[in-house]
Amino acid sequence: MIQHKKQSQGNWQSKPYLEQMANIGSEVYRAINWRNKNNKEYADIAFIRSLELFDLSKGSKLTPSQYRELTRMREIWVDYFKYDNEYNSTDEDINKYFMYLTIAFKNISG
């Protein structure tokens, strides 16, 4: 079931890369926040929404380095949130990564 119906109809691909990443970061933050509040249901819903946005971003016009960054971050995020955390990520690491992207987006968008 698609959570981001408007974005899935092409609106998402027209957004700049940093805006996409900032929005993904919002869902990531929600997932971490809900997990820390021991609300598995809401955490899982936010996690699924984050993956949906990651996957929608793959269809955007990205540079090769942006595509690598996007797919690597998706891999790290899934490993951290659902698997063995082989990259030894923390809530702070993940949130800080997206926070910097959000700041960068806000700085260039005015």
N, C-alpha and C. Protein backbone atom coordinates (compact mmCIF):
# COMPACT_ATOMS: atom_id res chain seq x y z
N MET A 1 0.84 -1.18 0.00
CA MET A 1 0.00 0.00 0.00
C MET A 1 0.89 1.24 0.00
N ILE A 2 0.66 2.13 -0.92
CA ILE A 2 1.46 3.34 -1.05
C ILE A 2 1.01 4.38 -0.03
N GLN A 3 1.94 4.86 0.77
CA GLN A 3 1.65 5.88 1.77
C GLN A 3 1.73 7.29 1.20
N HIS A 4 2.66 7.50 0.31
CA HIS A 4 2.88 8.83 -0.28
C HIS A 4 2.31 8.86 -1.69
N LYS A 5 0.98 8.90 -1.78
CA LYS A 5 0.31 8.78 -3.08
C LYS A 5 0.67 9.93 -4.02
N LYS A 6 0.65 11.17 -3.52
CA LYS A 6 0.95 12.32 -4.37
C LYS A 6 2.39 12.25 -4.90
N GLN A 7 3.32 11.91 -4.02
CA GLN A 7 4.71 11.81 -4.43
C GLN A 7 4.93 10.69 -5.44
N SER A 8 4.20 9.60 -5.28
CA SER A 8 4.39 8.46 -6.18
C SER A 8 3.88 8.74 -7.60
N GLN A 9 3.12 9.81 -7.78
CA GLN A 9 2.59 10.15 -9.10
C GLN A 9 3.52 11.09 -9.87
N GLY A 10 4.75 11.22 -9.43
CA GLY A 10 5.72 12.00 -10.18
C GLY A 10 6.17 13.28 -9.52
N ASN A 11 5.40 13.77 -8.55
CA ASN A 11 5.77 15.01 -7.86
C ASN A 11 7.11 14.86 -7.15
N TRP A 12 7.36 13.70 -6.61
CA TRP A 12 8.59 13.47 -5.84
C TRP A 12 9.84 13.61 -6.70
N GLN A 13 9.81 13.06 -7.90
CA GLN A 13 10.99 13.07 -8.75
C GLN A 13 11.37 14.48 -9.20
N SER A 14 10.45 15.42 -9.13
CA SER A 14 10.76 16.79 -9.53
C SER A 14 11.43 17.60 -8.41
N LYS A 15 11.44 17.06 -7.21
CA LYS A 15 12.07 17.75 -6.09
C LYS A 15 13.59 17.61 -6.15
N PRO A 16 14.30 18.64 -5.68
CA PRO A 16 15.77 18.52 -5.63
C PRO A 16 16.20 17.40 -4.69
N TYR A 17 17.36 16.86 -4.97
CA TYR A 17 17.90 15.75 -4.18
C TYR A 17 17.93 16.06 -2.68
N LEU A 18 18.43 17.24 -2.31
CA LEU A 18 18.52 17.57 -0.88
C LEU A 18 17.14 17.66 -0.23
N GLU A 19 16.16 18.12 -0.97
CA GLU A 19 14.80 18.16 -0.42
C GLU A 19 14.26 16.74 -0.21
N GLN A 20 14.53 15.88 -1.16
CA GLN A 20 14.11 14.48 -1.00
C GLN A 20 14.76 13.88 0.25
N MET A 21 16.06 14.08 0.39
CA MET A 21 16.77 13.51 1.54
C MET A 21 16.28 14.10 2.85
N ALA A 22 15.96 15.38 2.87
CA ALA A 22 15.43 16.01 4.09
C ALA A 22 14.09 15.39 4.46
N ASN A 23 13.25 15.13 3.47
CA ASN A 23 11.96 14.50 3.73
C ASN A 23 12.11 13.05 4.18
N ILE A 24 13.03 12.34 3.58
CA ILE A 24 13.31 10.98 4.03
C ILE A 24 13.75 11.03 5.49
N GLY A 25 14.60 12.00 5.80
CA GLY A 25 15.08 12.16 7.17
C GLY A 25 13.97 12.38 8.17
N SER A 26 12.92 13.05 7.76
CA SER A 26 11.77 13.25 8.67
C SER A 26 11.13 11.92 9.03
N GLU A 27 10.97 11.05 8.05
CA GLU A 27 10.39 9.73 8.32
C GLU A 27 11.34 8.87 9.16
N VAL A 28 12.63 8.98 8.88
CA VAL A 28 13.63 8.24 9.66
C VAL A 28 13.58 8.69 11.11
N TYR A 29 13.54 10.01 11.32
CA TYR A 29 13.46 10.55 12.68
C TYR A 29 12.21 10.02 13.39
N ARG A 30 11.07 10.03 12.69
CA ARG A 30 9.82 9.52 13.30
C ARG A 30 9.96 8.06 13.69
N ALA A 31 10.55 7.27 12.81
CA ALA A 31 10.71 5.83 13.11
C ALA A 31 11.57 5.62 14.35
N ILE A 32 12.67 6.34 14.43
CA ILE A 32 13.55 6.23 15.60
C ILE A 32 12.83 6.71 16.85
N ASN A 33 12.15 7.84 16.72
CA ASN A 33 11.44 8.41 17.86
C ASN A 33 10.37 7.46 18.40
N TRP A 34 9.58 6.88 17.51
CA TRP A 34 8.54 5.96 17.94
C TRP A 34 9.14 4.69 18.54
N ARG A 35 10.23 4.22 17.97
CA ARG A 35 10.88 3.03 18.53
C ARG A 35 11.38 3.32 19.95
N ASN A 36 11.94 4.49 20.14
CA ASN A 36 12.43 4.86 21.48
C ASN A 36 11.30 5.04 22.48
N LYS A 37 10.10 5.28 21.98
CA LYS A 37 8.92 5.37 22.85
C LYS A 37 8.22 4.02 22.98
N ASN A 38 8.88 2.97 22.47
CA ASN A 38 8.35 1.59 22.53
C ASN A 38 7.02 1.44 21.82
N ASN A 39 6.83 2.17 20.74
CA ASN A 39 5.63 2.03 19.93
C ASN A 39 6.04 1.39 18.60
N LYS A 40 6.10 0.07 18.62
CA LYS A 40 6.57 -0.68 17.46
C LYS A 40 5.70 -0.45 16.22
N GLU A 41 4.40 -0.37 16.43
CA GLU A 41 3.50 -0.19 15.29
C GLU A 41 3.79 1.12 14.55
N TYR A 42 3.84 2.23 15.25
CA TYR A 42 4.11 3.51 14.62
C TYR A 42 5.53 3.57 14.06
N ALA A 43 6.46 2.96 14.77
CA ALA A 43 7.85 2.92 14.29
C ALA A 43 7.92 2.18 12.96
N ASP A 44 7.24 1.05 12.87
CA ASP A 44 7.26 0.27 11.63
C ASP A 44 6.58 1.02 10.48
N ILE A 45 5.51 1.74 10.78
CA ILE A 45 4.82 2.51 9.74
C ILE A 45 5.75 3.60 9.21
N ALA A 46 6.42 4.31 10.10
CA ALA A 46 7.35 5.35 9.66
C ALA A 46 8.52 4.75 8.89
N PHE A 47 8.99 3.58 9.34
CA PHE A 47 10.08 2.89 8.64
C PHE A 47 9.66 2.56 7.20
N ILE A 48 8.47 2.03 7.02
CA ILE A 48 7.96 1.70 5.68
C ILE A 48 7.84 2.96 4.83
N ARG A 49 7.35 4.04 5.42
CA ARG A 49 7.24 5.31 4.67
C ARG A 49 8.63 5.79 4.24
N SER A 50 9.63 5.64 5.12
CA SER A 50 10.98 6.07 4.75
C SER A 50 11.50 5.25 3.57
N LEU A 51 11.26 3.95 3.59
CA LEU A 51 11.71 3.10 2.48
C LEU A 51 11.01 3.47 1.19
N GLU A 52 9.74 3.80 1.29
CA GLU A 52 9.00 4.21 0.11
C GLU A 52 9.63 5.46 -0.51
N LEU A 53 10.00 6.42 0.32
CA LEU A 53 10.63 7.64 -0.20
C LEU A 53 12.01 7.36 -0.76
N PHE A 54 12.78 6.51 -0.09
CA PHE A 54 14.08 6.11 -0.65
C PHE A 54 13.87 5.53 -2.05
N ASP A 55 12.92 4.64 -2.17
CA ASP A 55 12.69 3.96 -3.45
C ASP A 55 12.15 4.91 -4.52
N LEU A 56 11.28 5.84 -4.13
CA LEU A 56 10.81 6.84 -5.09
C LEU A 56 11.97 7.70 -5.58
N SER A 57 12.92 7.98 -4.70
CA SER A 57 14.07 8.81 -5.08
C SER A 57 14.96 8.11 -6.10
N LYS A 58 14.99 6.80 -6.09
CA LYS A 58 15.80 6.08 -7.07
C LYS A 58 15.37 6.39 -8.50
N GLY A 59 14.10 6.76 -8.68
CA GLY A 59 13.59 7.08 -10.01
C GLY A 59 13.83 8.52 -10.43
N SER A 60 14.48 9.29 -9.58
CA SER A 60 14.76 10.70 -9.89
C SER A 60 16.00 10.81 -10.76
N LYS A 61 16.18 11.99 -11.32
CA LYS A 61 17.38 12.27 -12.11
C LYS A 61 18.50 12.61 -11.13
N LEU A 62 19.25 11.60 -10.74
CA LEU A 62 20.33 11.76 -9.77
C LEU A 62 21.68 11.61 -10.48
N THR A 63 22.66 12.28 -9.94
CA THR A 63 24.01 12.04 -10.42
C THR A 63 24.45 10.67 -9.91
N PRO A 64 25.46 10.08 -10.51
CA PRO A 64 25.93 8.78 -10.00
C PRO A 64 26.32 8.83 -8.51
N SER A 65 26.93 9.93 -8.07
CA SER A 65 27.31 10.01 -6.66
C SER A 65 26.09 10.16 -5.76
N GLN A 66 25.08 10.87 -6.20
CA GLN A 66 23.85 10.98 -5.42
C GLN A 66 23.15 9.62 -5.32
N TYR A 67 23.13 8.91 -6.43
CA TYR A 67 22.50 7.58 -6.41
C TYR A 67 23.24 6.64 -5.46
N ARG A 68 24.55 6.67 -5.49
CA ARG A 68 25.34 5.82 -4.58
C ARG A 68 25.07 6.20 -3.12
N GLU A 69 25.04 7.50 -2.86
CA GLU A 69 24.79 7.96 -1.49
C GLU A 69 23.39 7.53 -1.03
N LEU A 70 22.41 7.71 -1.89
CA LEU A 70 21.04 7.33 -1.57
C LEU A 70 20.94 5.84 -1.25
N THR A 71 21.48 5.02 -2.13
CA THR A 71 21.35 3.57 -1.93
C THR A 71 22.20 3.07 -0.75
N ARG A 72 23.35 3.68 -0.53
CA ARG A 72 24.16 3.30 0.62
C ARG A 72 23.46 3.68 1.93
N MET A 73 22.87 4.88 1.95
CA MET A 73 22.17 5.29 3.18
C MET A 73 20.95 4.42 3.43
N ARG A 74 20.27 4.01 2.37
CA ARG A 74 19.14 3.10 2.53
C ARG A 74 19.63 1.78 3.14
N GLU A 75 20.74 1.28 2.64
CA GLU A 75 21.32 0.04 3.16
C GLU A 75 21.67 0.18 4.64
N ILE A 76 22.32 1.27 5.00
CA ILE A 76 22.70 1.50 6.39
C ILE A 76 21.46 1.61 7.27
N TRP A 77 20.45 2.34 6.80
CA TRP A 77 19.22 2.54 7.55
C TRP A 77 18.49 1.21 7.80
N VAL A 78 18.35 0.40 6.77
CA VAL A 78 17.67 -0.89 6.93
C VAL A 78 18.47 -1.80 7.87
N ASP A 79 19.78 -1.83 7.69
CA ASP A 79 20.63 -2.62 8.58
C ASP A 79 20.47 -2.18 10.02
N TYR A 80 20.44 -0.88 10.24
CA TYR A 80 20.34 -0.34 11.60
C TYR A 80 18.98 -0.62 12.22
N PHE A 81 17.93 -0.36 11.47
CA PHE A 81 16.59 -0.41 12.05
C PHE A 81 16.01 -1.81 12.15
N LYS A 82 16.37 -2.69 11.20
CA LYS A 82 15.72 -4.00 11.16
C LYS A 82 16.66 -5.20 11.28
N TYR A 83 17.95 -5.00 11.10
CA TYR A 83 18.84 -6.16 11.08
C TYR A 83 19.92 -6.07 12.15
N ASP A 84 21.13 -6.46 11.83
CA ASP A 84 22.19 -6.65 12.83
C ASP A 84 23.05 -5.42 13.11
N ASN A 85 22.77 -4.31 12.46
CA ASN A 85 23.54 -3.08 12.64
C ASN A 85 25.03 -3.34 12.45
N GLU A 86 25.36 -3.93 11.32
CA GLU A 86 26.76 -4.25 11.00
C GLU A 86 27.62 -3.00 10.87
N TYR A 87 27.00 -1.85 10.59
CA TYR A 87 27.76 -0.61 10.44
C TYR A 87 27.93 0.11 11.78
N ASN A 88 27.39 -0.47 12.84
CA ASN A 88 27.47 0.10 14.19
C ASN A 88 26.93 1.52 14.26
N SER A 89 25.81 1.74 13.61
CA SER A 89 25.16 3.06 13.62
C SER A 89 24.45 3.27 14.95
N THR A 90 24.19 4.54 15.24
CA THR A 90 23.41 4.90 16.43
C THR A 90 22.28 5.82 16.00
N ASP A 91 21.31 6.02 16.89
CA ASP A 91 20.25 6.99 16.62
C ASP A 91 20.86 8.33 16.27
N GLU A 92 21.85 8.74 17.06
CA GLU A 92 22.49 10.04 16.86
C GLU A 92 23.17 10.11 15.49
N ASP A 93 23.88 9.06 15.09
CA ASP A 93 24.56 9.05 13.78
C ASP A 93 23.55 9.26 12.65
N ILE A 94 22.49 8.48 12.69
CA ILE A 94 21.49 8.52 11.61
C ILE A 94 20.81 9.88 11.57
N ASN A 95 20.35 10.34 12.73
CA ASN A 95 19.66 11.63 12.78
C ASN A 95 20.57 12.79 12.39
N LYS A 96 21.83 12.73 12.80
CA LYS A 96 22.77 13.80 12.47
C LYS A 96 23.02 13.87 10.96
N TYR A 97 23.15 12.71 10.33
CA TYR A 97 23.34 12.66 8.88
C TYR A 97 22.21 13.42 8.16
N PHE A 98 20.97 13.07 8.52
CA PHE A 98 19.84 13.72 7.86
C PHE A 98 19.68 15.17 8.28
N MET A 99 20.06 15.52 9.50
CA MET A 99 19.98 16.89 9.96
C MET A 99 20.89 17.78 9.10
N TYR A 100 22.10 17.31 8.82
CA TYR A 100 23.01 18.09 7.98
C TYR A 100 22.47 18.28 6.57
N LEU A 101 21.83 17.26 6.03
CA LEU A 101 21.23 17.39 4.71
C LEU A 101 20.08 18.37 4.72
N THR A 102 19.30 18.36 5.79
CA THR A 102 18.19 19.29 5.93
C THR A 102 18.70 20.72 6.02
N ILE A 103 19.74 20.94 6.80
CA ILE A 103 20.36 22.27 6.90
C ILE A 103 20.89 22.72 5.55
N ALA A 104 21.53 21.82 4.83
CA ALA A 104 22.06 22.16 3.50
C ALA A 104 20.91 22.56 2.57
N PHE A 105 19.83 21.80 2.60
CA PHE A 105 18.68 22.13 1.75
C PHE A 105 18.12 23.50 2.11
N LYS A 106 17.95 23.76 3.39
CA LYS A 106 17.39 25.05 3.82
C LYS A 106 18.31 26.21 3.42
N ASN A 107 19.61 25.97 3.46
CA ASN A 107 20.56 27.03 3.10
C ASN A 107 20.51 27.36 1.61
N ILE A 108 20.28 26.37 0.77
CA ILE A 108 20.26 26.66 -0.67
C ILE A 108 18.88 27.09 -1.15
N SER A 109 17.83 26.73 -0.40
CA SER A 109 16.48 27.07 -0.86
C SER A 109 16.00 28.40 -0.31
N GLY A 110 16.76 28.96 0.61
CA GLY A 110 16.44 30.30 1.13
C GLY A 110 15.53 30.21 2.24
